[in-house]
N, C-alpha and C. Protein backbone atom coordinates (compact mmCIF):
# COMPACT_ATOMS: atom_id res chain seq x y z
N MET A 1 0.85 -1.18 0.00
CA MET A 1 0.00 0.00 0.00
C MET A 1 0.89 1.24 0.00
N CYS A 2 0.49 2.27 -0.70
CA CYS A 2 1.27 3.50 -0.74
C CYS A 2 1.16 4.26 0.56
N VAL A 3 2.09 5.19 0.78
CA VAL A 3 2.13 5.94 2.03
C VAL A 3 0.86 6.78 2.20
N VAL A 4 0.32 7.34 1.13
CA VAL A 4 -0.91 8.14 1.22
C VAL A 4 -2.07 7.25 1.68
N GLY A 5 -2.18 6.08 1.09
CA GLY A 5 -3.23 5.15 1.51
C GLY A 5 -3.06 4.73 2.95
N GLY A 6 -1.82 4.52 3.38
CA GLY A 6 -1.55 4.15 4.76
C GLY A 6 -1.98 5.25 5.73
N ILE A 7 -1.64 6.50 5.41
CA ILE A 7 -2.05 7.62 6.26
C ILE A 7 -3.57 7.68 6.36
N ASN A 8 -4.23 7.58 5.22
CA ASN A 8 -5.70 7.66 5.22
C ASN A 8 -6.33 6.50 5.99
N ASN A 9 -5.80 5.28 5.79
CA ASN A 9 -6.36 4.11 6.46
C ASN A 9 -6.16 4.16 7.97
N TYR A 10 -4.96 4.51 8.40
CA TYR A 10 -4.70 4.53 9.85
C TYR A 10 -5.38 5.70 10.53
N THR A 11 -5.54 6.81 9.83
CA THR A 11 -6.32 7.92 10.38
C THR A 11 -7.77 7.47 10.57
N ALA A 12 -8.32 6.85 9.55
CA ALA A 12 -9.70 6.36 9.65
C ALA A 12 -9.85 5.32 10.76
N ALA A 13 -8.87 4.45 10.89
CA ALA A 13 -8.93 3.42 11.94
C ALA A 13 -8.93 4.05 13.32
N LEU A 14 -8.14 5.11 13.51
CA LEU A 14 -8.10 5.78 14.81
C LEU A 14 -9.39 6.56 15.08
N GLN A 15 -10.04 7.02 14.02
CA GLN A 15 -11.29 7.77 14.19
C GLN A 15 -12.47 6.85 14.49
N ASP A 16 -12.36 5.59 14.11
CA ASP A 16 -13.47 4.64 14.25
C ASP A 16 -13.21 3.71 15.43
N SER A 17 -13.90 3.94 16.51
CA SER A 17 -13.68 3.13 17.72
C SER A 17 -14.04 1.66 17.51
N SER A 18 -14.80 1.35 16.47
CA SER A 18 -15.16 -0.04 16.22
C SER A 18 -14.21 -0.71 15.21
N SER A 19 -13.18 -0.01 14.80
CA SER A 19 -12.23 -0.55 13.83
C SER A 19 -11.53 -1.79 14.39
N SER A 20 -11.26 -2.75 13.52
CA SER A 20 -10.57 -3.97 13.95
C SER A 20 -9.05 -3.77 14.03
N TYR A 21 -8.56 -2.63 13.57
CA TYR A 21 -7.13 -2.34 13.65
C TYR A 21 -6.70 -2.17 15.11
N ASN A 22 -5.52 -2.62 15.44
CA ASN A 22 -4.94 -2.37 16.74
C ASN A 22 -4.65 -0.87 16.84
N ARG A 23 -5.16 -0.24 17.88
CA ARG A 23 -5.07 1.23 17.98
C ARG A 23 -3.63 1.71 18.18
N THR A 24 -2.87 0.99 18.97
CA THR A 24 -1.47 1.40 19.18
C THR A 24 -0.69 1.28 17.88
N GLU A 25 -0.85 0.16 17.18
CA GLU A 25 -0.16 -0.02 15.90
C GLU A 25 -0.62 1.04 14.90
N SER A 26 -1.90 1.35 14.90
CA SER A 26 -2.41 2.38 13.98
C SER A 26 -1.74 3.71 14.25
N LEU A 27 -1.60 4.07 15.50
CA LEU A 27 -0.95 5.33 15.86
C LEU A 27 0.52 5.32 15.43
N LEU A 28 1.21 4.22 15.68
CA LEU A 28 2.62 4.13 15.30
C LEU A 28 2.80 4.20 13.78
N PHE A 29 1.96 3.49 13.04
CA PHE A 29 2.06 3.52 11.59
C PHE A 29 1.69 4.90 11.03
N LEU A 30 0.69 5.54 11.61
CA LEU A 30 0.31 6.88 11.16
C LEU A 30 1.50 7.83 11.32
N ALA A 31 2.13 7.81 12.48
CA ALA A 31 3.29 8.69 12.72
C ALA A 31 4.42 8.37 11.74
N HIS A 32 4.69 7.09 11.53
CA HIS A 32 5.76 6.68 10.61
C HIS A 32 5.46 7.14 9.18
N PHE A 33 4.26 6.85 8.71
CA PHE A 33 3.92 7.21 7.33
C PHE A 33 3.85 8.72 7.12
N LEU A 34 3.43 9.44 8.13
CA LEU A 34 3.39 10.89 8.01
C LEU A 34 4.82 11.44 7.88
N GLY A 35 5.75 10.85 8.62
CA GLY A 35 7.16 11.23 8.46
C GLY A 35 7.64 10.89 7.06
N ASP A 36 7.32 9.70 6.58
CA ASP A 36 7.74 9.29 5.24
C ASP A 36 7.24 10.22 4.15
N VAL A 37 5.98 10.61 4.21
CA VAL A 37 5.41 11.43 3.13
C VAL A 37 6.04 12.81 3.10
N HIS A 38 6.65 13.24 4.19
CA HIS A 38 7.30 14.55 4.22
C HIS A 38 8.76 14.48 3.77
N GLN A 39 9.29 13.30 3.53
CA GLN A 39 10.64 13.17 2.99
C GLN A 39 10.51 13.18 1.47
N PRO A 40 11.05 14.22 0.80
CA PRO A 40 10.79 14.39 -0.64
C PRO A 40 11.09 13.17 -1.51
N MET A 41 12.13 12.42 -1.21
CA MET A 41 12.47 11.30 -2.08
C MET A 41 11.48 10.15 -1.97
N HIS A 42 10.66 10.13 -0.93
CA HIS A 42 9.60 9.12 -0.85
C HIS A 42 8.55 9.36 -1.92
N CYS A 43 8.57 10.56 -2.49
CA CYS A 43 7.64 10.90 -3.57
C CYS A 43 8.43 11.31 -4.80
N GLY A 44 9.64 10.81 -4.90
CA GLY A 44 10.51 11.12 -6.04
C GLY A 44 10.15 10.28 -7.25
N ARG A 45 11.07 10.24 -8.16
CA ARG A 45 10.84 9.53 -9.44
C ARG A 45 10.65 8.03 -9.20
N THR A 46 9.61 7.50 -9.82
CA THR A 46 9.38 6.06 -9.69
C THR A 46 10.42 5.26 -10.47
N ALA A 47 10.97 5.83 -11.54
CA ALA A 47 11.94 5.11 -12.37
C ALA A 47 13.19 4.73 -11.58
N ASP A 48 13.56 5.53 -10.60
CA ASP A 48 14.75 5.22 -9.80
C ASP A 48 14.39 4.90 -8.35
N LEU A 49 13.12 4.57 -8.14
CA LEU A 49 12.62 4.19 -6.81
C LEU A 49 12.91 5.28 -5.78
N GLY A 50 12.62 6.51 -6.16
CA GLY A 50 12.82 7.63 -5.24
C GLY A 50 14.28 7.85 -4.87
N GLY A 51 15.16 7.65 -5.84
CA GLY A 51 16.59 7.86 -5.62
C GLY A 51 17.33 6.65 -5.08
N ASN A 52 16.63 5.54 -4.85
CA ASN A 52 17.29 4.35 -4.30
C ASN A 52 18.29 3.72 -5.26
N THR A 53 18.09 3.88 -6.56
CA THR A 53 19.02 3.27 -7.52
C THR A 53 20.11 4.23 -7.99
N ILE A 54 20.09 5.46 -7.48
CA ILE A 54 21.13 6.42 -7.84
C ILE A 54 22.21 6.35 -6.76
N LEU A 55 23.32 5.70 -7.13
CA LEU A 55 24.41 5.54 -6.18
C LEU A 55 25.25 6.81 -6.16
N VAL A 56 25.56 7.26 -4.95
CA VAL A 56 26.36 8.48 -4.78
C VAL A 56 27.35 8.25 -3.64
N THR A 57 28.27 9.18 -3.52
CA THR A 57 29.13 9.23 -2.36
C THR A 57 28.93 10.58 -1.71
N SER A 58 29.24 10.64 -0.43
CA SER A 58 29.21 11.92 0.24
C SER A 58 30.62 12.21 0.74
N TYR A 59 31.12 13.36 0.34
CA TYR A 59 32.46 13.78 0.71
C TYR A 59 33.50 12.74 0.32
N SER A 60 33.31 12.15 -0.86
CA SER A 60 34.24 11.21 -1.50
C SER A 60 34.47 9.92 -0.73
N THR A 61 33.74 9.67 0.33
CA THR A 61 34.01 8.46 1.09
C THR A 61 32.80 7.55 1.25
N ALA A 62 31.76 8.02 1.85
CA ALA A 62 30.64 7.16 2.21
C ALA A 62 29.80 6.82 0.98
N LYS A 63 29.78 5.53 0.63
CA LYS A 63 28.94 5.08 -0.48
C LYS A 63 27.51 4.94 0.03
N THR A 64 26.58 5.48 -0.73
CA THR A 64 25.18 5.45 -0.34
C THR A 64 24.32 5.62 -1.58
N ASN A 65 23.06 5.94 -1.40
CA ASN A 65 22.22 6.29 -2.54
C ASN A 65 21.50 7.60 -2.23
N LEU A 66 20.93 8.21 -3.25
CA LEU A 66 20.32 9.52 -3.10
C LEU A 66 19.17 9.50 -2.10
N HIS A 67 18.41 8.43 -2.07
CA HIS A 67 17.31 8.33 -1.12
C HIS A 67 17.82 8.38 0.32
N LYS A 68 18.86 7.64 0.60
CA LYS A 68 19.42 7.60 1.97
C LYS A 68 20.01 8.96 2.35
N VAL A 69 20.55 9.68 1.37
CA VAL A 69 21.03 11.03 1.67
C VAL A 69 19.91 11.85 2.28
N TRP A 70 18.72 11.75 1.67
CA TRP A 70 17.57 12.52 2.17
C TRP A 70 16.95 11.90 3.40
N ASP A 71 17.04 10.58 3.56
CA ASP A 71 16.51 9.92 4.76
C ASP A 71 17.29 10.31 6.00
N ASP A 72 18.63 10.26 5.92
CA ASP A 72 19.37 10.54 7.14
C ASP A 72 20.71 11.23 6.98
N LYS A 73 21.35 11.18 5.84
CA LYS A 73 22.69 11.79 5.71
C LYS A 73 22.67 13.30 5.90
N VAL A 74 21.64 13.98 5.39
CA VAL A 74 21.54 15.43 5.56
C VAL A 74 21.39 15.76 7.04
N ILE A 75 20.56 15.00 7.74
CA ILE A 75 20.35 15.23 9.17
C ILE A 75 21.65 14.97 9.94
N GLN A 76 22.32 13.87 9.62
CA GLN A 76 23.58 13.55 10.31
C GLN A 76 24.62 14.64 10.08
N LYS A 77 24.71 15.13 8.85
CA LYS A 77 25.67 16.20 8.54
C LYS A 77 25.32 17.47 9.31
N ALA A 78 24.05 17.83 9.34
CA ALA A 78 23.62 19.02 10.07
C ALA A 78 23.92 18.87 11.56
N LEU A 79 23.65 17.69 12.10
CA LEU A 79 23.93 17.45 13.51
C LEU A 79 25.41 17.67 13.83
N ARG A 80 26.28 17.13 12.99
CA ARG A 80 27.73 17.28 13.23
C ARG A 80 28.19 18.72 13.04
N LYS A 81 27.77 19.32 11.93
CA LYS A 81 28.34 20.61 11.53
C LYS A 81 27.75 21.79 12.31
N PHE A 82 26.46 21.75 12.59
CA PHE A 82 25.80 22.91 13.18
C PHE A 82 25.34 22.72 14.61
N TYR A 83 25.14 21.48 15.04
CA TYR A 83 24.53 21.23 16.34
C TYR A 83 25.42 20.41 17.27
N LYS A 84 26.67 20.24 16.91
CA LYS A 84 27.67 19.55 17.76
C LYS A 84 27.16 18.18 18.22
N ASP A 85 26.51 17.45 17.32
CA ASP A 85 25.99 16.11 17.59
C ASP A 85 24.96 16.07 18.71
N ASP A 86 24.29 17.18 18.93
CA ASP A 86 23.29 17.26 19.99
C ASP A 86 21.90 17.39 19.36
N LEU A 87 21.18 16.28 19.37
CA LEU A 87 19.86 16.25 18.75
C LEU A 87 18.91 17.25 19.40
N SER A 88 18.98 17.42 20.71
CA SER A 88 18.07 18.35 21.37
C SER A 88 18.33 19.79 20.92
N THR A 89 19.57 20.12 20.59
CA THR A 89 19.88 21.46 20.07
C THR A 89 19.27 21.63 18.68
N MET A 90 19.33 20.58 17.87
CA MET A 90 18.72 20.64 16.54
C MET A 90 17.20 20.80 16.67
N ILE A 91 16.59 20.06 17.56
CA ILE A 91 15.15 20.16 17.78
C ILE A 91 14.79 21.57 18.25
N ASP A 92 15.59 22.12 19.15
CA ASP A 92 15.35 23.49 19.62
C ASP A 92 15.43 24.49 18.47
N ALA A 93 16.37 24.28 17.56
CA ALA A 93 16.50 25.18 16.40
C ALA A 93 15.28 25.09 15.49
N ILE A 94 14.76 23.88 15.29
CA ILE A 94 13.55 23.71 14.48
C ILE A 94 12.37 24.37 15.18
N LYS A 95 12.26 24.20 16.50
CA LYS A 95 11.19 24.86 17.26
C LYS A 95 11.28 26.37 17.15
N LEU A 96 12.51 26.90 17.20
CA LEU A 96 12.71 28.35 17.08
C LEU A 96 12.25 28.83 15.70
N ASN A 97 12.57 28.07 14.68
CA ASN A 97 12.09 28.41 13.33
C ASN A 97 10.57 28.42 13.28
N LEU A 98 9.94 27.48 14.00
CA LEU A 98 8.47 27.43 14.04
C LEU A 98 7.89 28.69 14.65
N THR A 99 8.51 29.18 15.71
CA THR A 99 7.97 30.37 16.38
C THR A 99 8.39 31.67 15.72
N GLU A 100 9.46 31.63 14.93
CA GLU A 100 9.93 32.86 14.30
C GLU A 100 9.76 32.83 12.77
N ASN A 101 10.59 32.09 12.09
CA ASN A 101 10.63 32.14 10.62
C ASN A 101 9.40 31.55 9.94
N TRP A 102 8.83 30.51 10.52
CA TRP A 102 7.71 29.83 9.87
C TRP A 102 6.37 30.10 10.56
N SER A 103 6.34 31.00 11.51
CA SER A 103 5.13 31.19 12.31
C SER A 103 3.92 31.58 11.47
N THR A 104 4.13 32.30 10.38
CA THR A 104 3.00 32.69 9.54
C THR A 104 2.50 31.53 8.68
N GLU A 105 3.30 30.50 8.54
CA GLU A 105 2.94 29.34 7.72
C GLU A 105 2.32 28.20 8.51
N GLU A 106 2.60 28.15 9.81
CA GLU A 106 2.24 26.99 10.63
C GLU A 106 0.75 26.66 10.57
N ASN A 107 -0.12 27.67 10.64
CA ASN A 107 -1.56 27.40 10.58
C ASN A 107 -1.96 26.81 9.23
N GLN A 108 -1.31 27.24 8.16
CA GLN A 108 -1.60 26.67 6.84
C GLN A 108 -1.18 25.21 6.78
N TRP A 109 -0.06 24.89 7.42
CA TRP A 109 0.39 23.50 7.43
C TRP A 109 -0.61 22.60 8.13
N ALA A 110 -1.14 23.08 9.25
CA ALA A 110 -2.05 22.26 10.05
C ALA A 110 -3.44 22.15 9.42
N ALA A 111 -3.83 23.18 8.68
CA ALA A 111 -5.16 23.19 8.06
C ALA A 111 -5.21 22.16 6.94
N CYS A 112 -6.37 21.61 6.78
CA CYS A 112 -6.55 20.67 5.69
C CYS A 112 -7.96 20.81 5.15
N SER A 113 -8.12 21.74 4.26
CA SER A 113 -9.42 21.90 3.62
C SER A 113 -9.19 21.80 2.12
N THR A 114 -9.37 20.63 1.62
CA THR A 114 -9.17 20.39 0.20
C THR A 114 -10.40 19.69 -0.36
N GLN A 115 -10.82 20.12 -1.50
CA GLN A 115 -12.04 19.60 -2.09
C GLN A 115 -11.80 18.35 -2.94
N THR A 116 -10.63 18.27 -3.58
CA THR A 116 -10.43 17.22 -4.57
C THR A 116 -9.49 16.11 -4.14
N THR A 117 -8.68 16.35 -3.13
CA THR A 117 -7.72 15.33 -2.69
C THR A 117 -7.76 15.25 -1.17
N THR A 118 -7.11 14.23 -0.63
CA THR A 118 -6.98 14.14 0.82
C THR A 118 -5.78 14.98 1.27
N CYS A 119 -5.70 15.21 2.56
CA CYS A 119 -4.54 15.94 3.10
C CYS A 119 -3.26 15.19 2.74
N ALA A 120 -3.26 13.88 2.90
CA ALA A 120 -2.07 13.08 2.60
C ALA A 120 -1.67 13.23 1.13
N ASP A 121 -2.65 13.32 0.22
CA ASP A 121 -2.33 13.56 -1.19
C ASP A 121 -1.59 14.89 -1.34
N ARG A 122 -2.08 15.91 -0.63
CA ARG A 122 -1.45 17.22 -0.71
C ARG A 122 -0.01 17.17 -0.19
N TYR A 123 0.22 16.46 0.91
CA TYR A 123 1.57 16.35 1.46
C TYR A 123 2.49 15.63 0.47
N ALA A 124 1.97 14.59 -0.18
CA ALA A 124 2.76 13.86 -1.16
C ALA A 124 3.07 14.73 -2.38
N GLU A 125 2.11 15.53 -2.81
CA GLU A 125 2.34 16.43 -3.94
C GLU A 125 3.43 17.45 -3.60
N GLU A 126 3.41 17.97 -2.37
CA GLU A 126 4.46 18.90 -1.94
C GLU A 126 5.83 18.22 -2.02
N SER A 127 5.92 16.99 -1.51
CA SER A 127 7.19 16.27 -1.53
C SER A 127 7.64 15.97 -2.95
N ALA A 128 6.70 15.62 -3.82
CA ALA A 128 7.06 15.36 -5.21
C ALA A 128 7.67 16.61 -5.85
N GLU A 129 7.07 17.76 -5.57
CA GLU A 129 7.63 19.02 -6.10
C GLU A 129 9.01 19.29 -5.52
N LEU A 130 9.18 19.04 -4.23
CA LEU A 130 10.47 19.28 -3.59
C LEU A 130 11.53 18.28 -4.03
N SER A 131 11.11 17.12 -4.51
CA SER A 131 12.10 16.13 -4.95
C SER A 131 12.78 16.55 -6.25
N CYS A 132 12.11 17.33 -7.07
CA CYS A 132 12.70 17.72 -8.36
C CYS A 132 14.06 18.39 -8.21
N PRO A 133 14.19 19.43 -7.36
CA PRO A 133 15.51 20.04 -7.19
C PRO A 133 16.55 19.10 -6.57
N ALA A 134 16.09 18.07 -5.87
CA ALA A 134 17.02 17.12 -5.24
C ALA A 134 17.82 16.35 -6.28
N TYR A 135 17.29 16.26 -7.49
CA TYR A 135 17.97 15.53 -8.55
C TYR A 135 18.93 16.41 -9.37
N VAL A 136 18.79 17.72 -9.23
CA VAL A 136 19.57 18.64 -10.06
C VAL A 136 21.07 18.44 -9.80
N GLY A 137 21.79 18.17 -10.87
CA GLY A 137 23.24 17.99 -10.77
C GLY A 137 23.68 16.65 -10.23
N VAL A 138 22.74 15.76 -9.96
CA VAL A 138 23.07 14.46 -9.40
C VAL A 138 22.95 13.40 -10.49
N GLU A 139 24.02 12.68 -10.67
CA GLU A 139 24.04 11.57 -11.61
C GLU A 139 24.57 10.35 -10.88
N GLN A 140 24.50 9.22 -11.53
CA GLN A 140 25.05 8.00 -10.96
C GLN A 140 26.50 8.26 -10.55
N TYR A 141 26.87 7.91 -9.35
CA TYR A 141 28.22 8.03 -8.78
C TYR A 141 28.65 9.48 -8.53
N SER A 142 27.71 10.40 -8.43
CA SER A 142 28.05 11.78 -8.06
C SER A 142 28.63 11.79 -6.66
N ASN A 143 29.48 12.78 -6.41
CA ASN A 143 30.00 13.00 -5.07
C ASN A 143 29.31 14.24 -4.51
N LEU A 144 28.55 14.06 -3.47
CA LEU A 144 27.79 15.15 -2.89
C LEU A 144 28.56 15.74 -1.71
N GLU A 145 28.76 17.05 -1.77
CA GLU A 145 29.51 17.72 -0.71
C GLU A 145 28.72 18.90 -0.19
N ASP A 146 29.41 19.86 0.43
CA ASP A 146 28.75 20.96 1.13
C ASP A 146 27.66 21.65 0.33
N GLU A 147 27.90 21.98 -0.90
CA GLU A 147 26.89 22.72 -1.68
C GLU A 147 25.57 21.97 -1.72
N TYR A 148 25.64 20.67 -1.95
CA TYR A 148 24.42 19.86 -2.01
C TYR A 148 23.76 19.77 -0.63
N PHE A 149 24.54 19.45 0.37
CA PHE A 149 23.99 19.28 1.71
C PHE A 149 23.41 20.57 2.25
N PHE A 150 24.07 21.69 2.01
CA PHE A 150 23.57 22.96 2.54
C PHE A 150 22.32 23.44 1.81
N SER A 151 22.13 23.00 0.58
CA SER A 151 20.87 23.34 -0.11
C SER A 151 19.74 22.41 0.34
N ALA A 152 20.07 21.20 0.71
CA ALA A 152 19.06 20.23 1.14
C ALA A 152 18.64 20.44 2.60
N MET A 153 19.55 20.90 3.43
CA MET A 153 19.28 20.99 4.86
C MET A 153 18.05 21.83 5.22
N PRO A 154 17.87 23.04 4.66
CA PRO A 154 16.68 23.81 5.02
C PRO A 154 15.38 23.10 4.62
N VAL A 155 15.42 22.38 3.52
CA VAL A 155 14.24 21.64 3.08
C VAL A 155 13.93 20.53 4.08
N VAL A 156 14.95 19.78 4.47
CA VAL A 156 14.77 18.67 5.40
C VAL A 156 14.23 19.19 6.74
N GLU A 157 14.84 20.25 7.26
CA GLU A 157 14.40 20.77 8.56
C GLU A 157 12.96 21.28 8.50
N LYS A 158 12.60 21.94 7.40
CA LYS A 158 11.23 22.45 7.29
C LYS A 158 10.24 21.30 7.14
N ARG A 159 10.61 20.26 6.40
CA ARG A 159 9.70 19.12 6.24
C ARG A 159 9.53 18.37 7.57
N ILE A 160 10.57 18.31 8.40
CA ILE A 160 10.44 17.72 9.72
C ILE A 160 9.42 18.52 10.53
N ALA A 161 9.55 19.85 10.49
CA ALA A 161 8.62 20.71 11.22
C ALA A 161 7.19 20.55 10.69
N GLN A 162 7.04 20.54 9.37
CA GLN A 162 5.70 20.38 8.79
C GLN A 162 5.09 19.04 9.18
N GLY A 163 5.88 17.99 9.13
CA GLY A 163 5.37 16.68 9.52
C GLY A 163 4.92 16.65 10.97
N GLY A 164 5.68 17.28 11.85
CA GLY A 164 5.30 17.33 13.26
C GLY A 164 4.04 18.13 13.50
N VAL A 165 3.95 19.28 12.86
CA VAL A 165 2.75 20.13 13.00
C VAL A 165 1.53 19.38 12.47
N ARG A 166 1.69 18.73 11.36
CA ARG A 166 0.56 18.03 10.75
C ARG A 166 0.14 16.79 11.55
N LEU A 167 1.12 16.07 12.09
CA LEU A 167 0.77 14.93 12.94
C LEU A 167 -0.01 15.42 14.16
N ALA A 168 0.46 16.49 14.77
CA ALA A 168 -0.25 17.05 15.93
C ALA A 168 -1.67 17.46 15.55
N ALA A 169 -1.83 18.09 14.39
CA ALA A 169 -3.16 18.52 13.95
C ALA A 169 -4.08 17.33 13.71
N ILE A 170 -3.56 16.29 13.08
CA ILE A 170 -4.36 15.08 12.83
C ILE A 170 -4.78 14.45 14.15
N LEU A 171 -3.84 14.32 15.07
CA LEU A 171 -4.17 13.71 16.37
C LEU A 171 -5.14 14.57 17.15
N ASN A 172 -5.00 15.89 17.06
CA ASN A 172 -5.96 16.77 17.73
C ASN A 172 -7.36 16.60 17.15
N ARG A 173 -7.45 16.46 15.82
CA ARG A 173 -8.77 16.26 15.21
C ARG A 173 -9.36 14.91 15.63
N ILE A 174 -8.52 13.89 15.70
CA ILE A 174 -9.01 12.56 16.07
C ILE A 174 -9.45 12.52 17.52
N PHE A 175 -8.64 13.08 18.41
CA PHE A 175 -8.85 12.88 19.84
C PHE A 175 -9.43 14.07 20.58
N SER A 176 -9.89 15.08 19.89
CA SER A 176 -10.41 16.27 20.58
C SER A 176 -11.87 16.10 20.98
N GLY A 177 -12.29 16.96 21.90
CA GLY A 177 -13.70 17.02 22.30
C GLY A 177 -14.27 15.71 22.75
N GLU A 178 -15.33 15.28 22.03
CA GLU A 178 -16.03 14.07 22.43
C GLU A 178 -15.19 12.82 22.21
N ASN A 179 -14.06 12.96 21.55
CA ASN A 179 -13.22 11.80 21.27
C ASN A 179 -12.15 11.58 22.32
N ASN A 180 -12.10 12.36 23.39
CA ASN A 180 -11.05 12.24 24.39
C ASN A 180 -10.98 10.85 25.00
N SER A 181 -12.10 10.18 25.12
CA SER A 181 -12.07 8.85 25.73
C SER A 181 -11.31 7.85 24.86
N ARG A 182 -11.21 8.11 23.57
CA ARG A 182 -10.46 7.21 22.69
C ARG A 182 -8.98 7.21 23.04
N LEU A 183 -8.45 8.37 23.39
CA LEU A 183 -7.03 8.48 23.72
C LEU A 183 -6.69 7.58 24.89
N GLN A 184 -7.59 7.47 25.85
CA GLN A 184 -7.33 6.65 27.02
C GLN A 184 -7.27 5.16 26.68
N SER A 185 -7.87 4.77 25.57
CA SER A 185 -7.87 3.35 25.22
C SER A 185 -6.60 2.94 24.48
N LEU A 186 -5.75 3.90 24.13
CA LEU A 186 -4.52 3.53 23.40
C LEU A 186 -3.48 2.90 24.28
């Protein structure tokens, strides 16, 4: 099943107290798939499996593929270079961006009023658009260094923030008001 279908199915399962899905597993899968749909290469070119078949190196040493660069290499590089390997400092920086640089966008991220597609479709479309620049200048066996990583890092950090805001909004919609008793059953 595709990530969009997974998000829609697990959201529906959490909204339906009579669903046969395990509620804890549904919550875990929803969080996982929501993270996946915000990683641009998960919605990249199907011909190369979202960058999985494009072999690259980073800084002339680490052999990997383009998909893995976006899954974790950009984050690892940012952690080392800007956050002194301290994940909590990186999280604090993303939170600061939420309250300062992205504060005017946050409500738009959480809102989901679409007539023709689901919210998950919209998130996937955003990632597909963001994946296009990820391929620019990258060929089989390219060596990716600072220029590539520094252009990817702001995208990765913003997508992490968007995924978190959107997960919170989805969970608030599922478990708010009359649905509070559902949260206790998880």
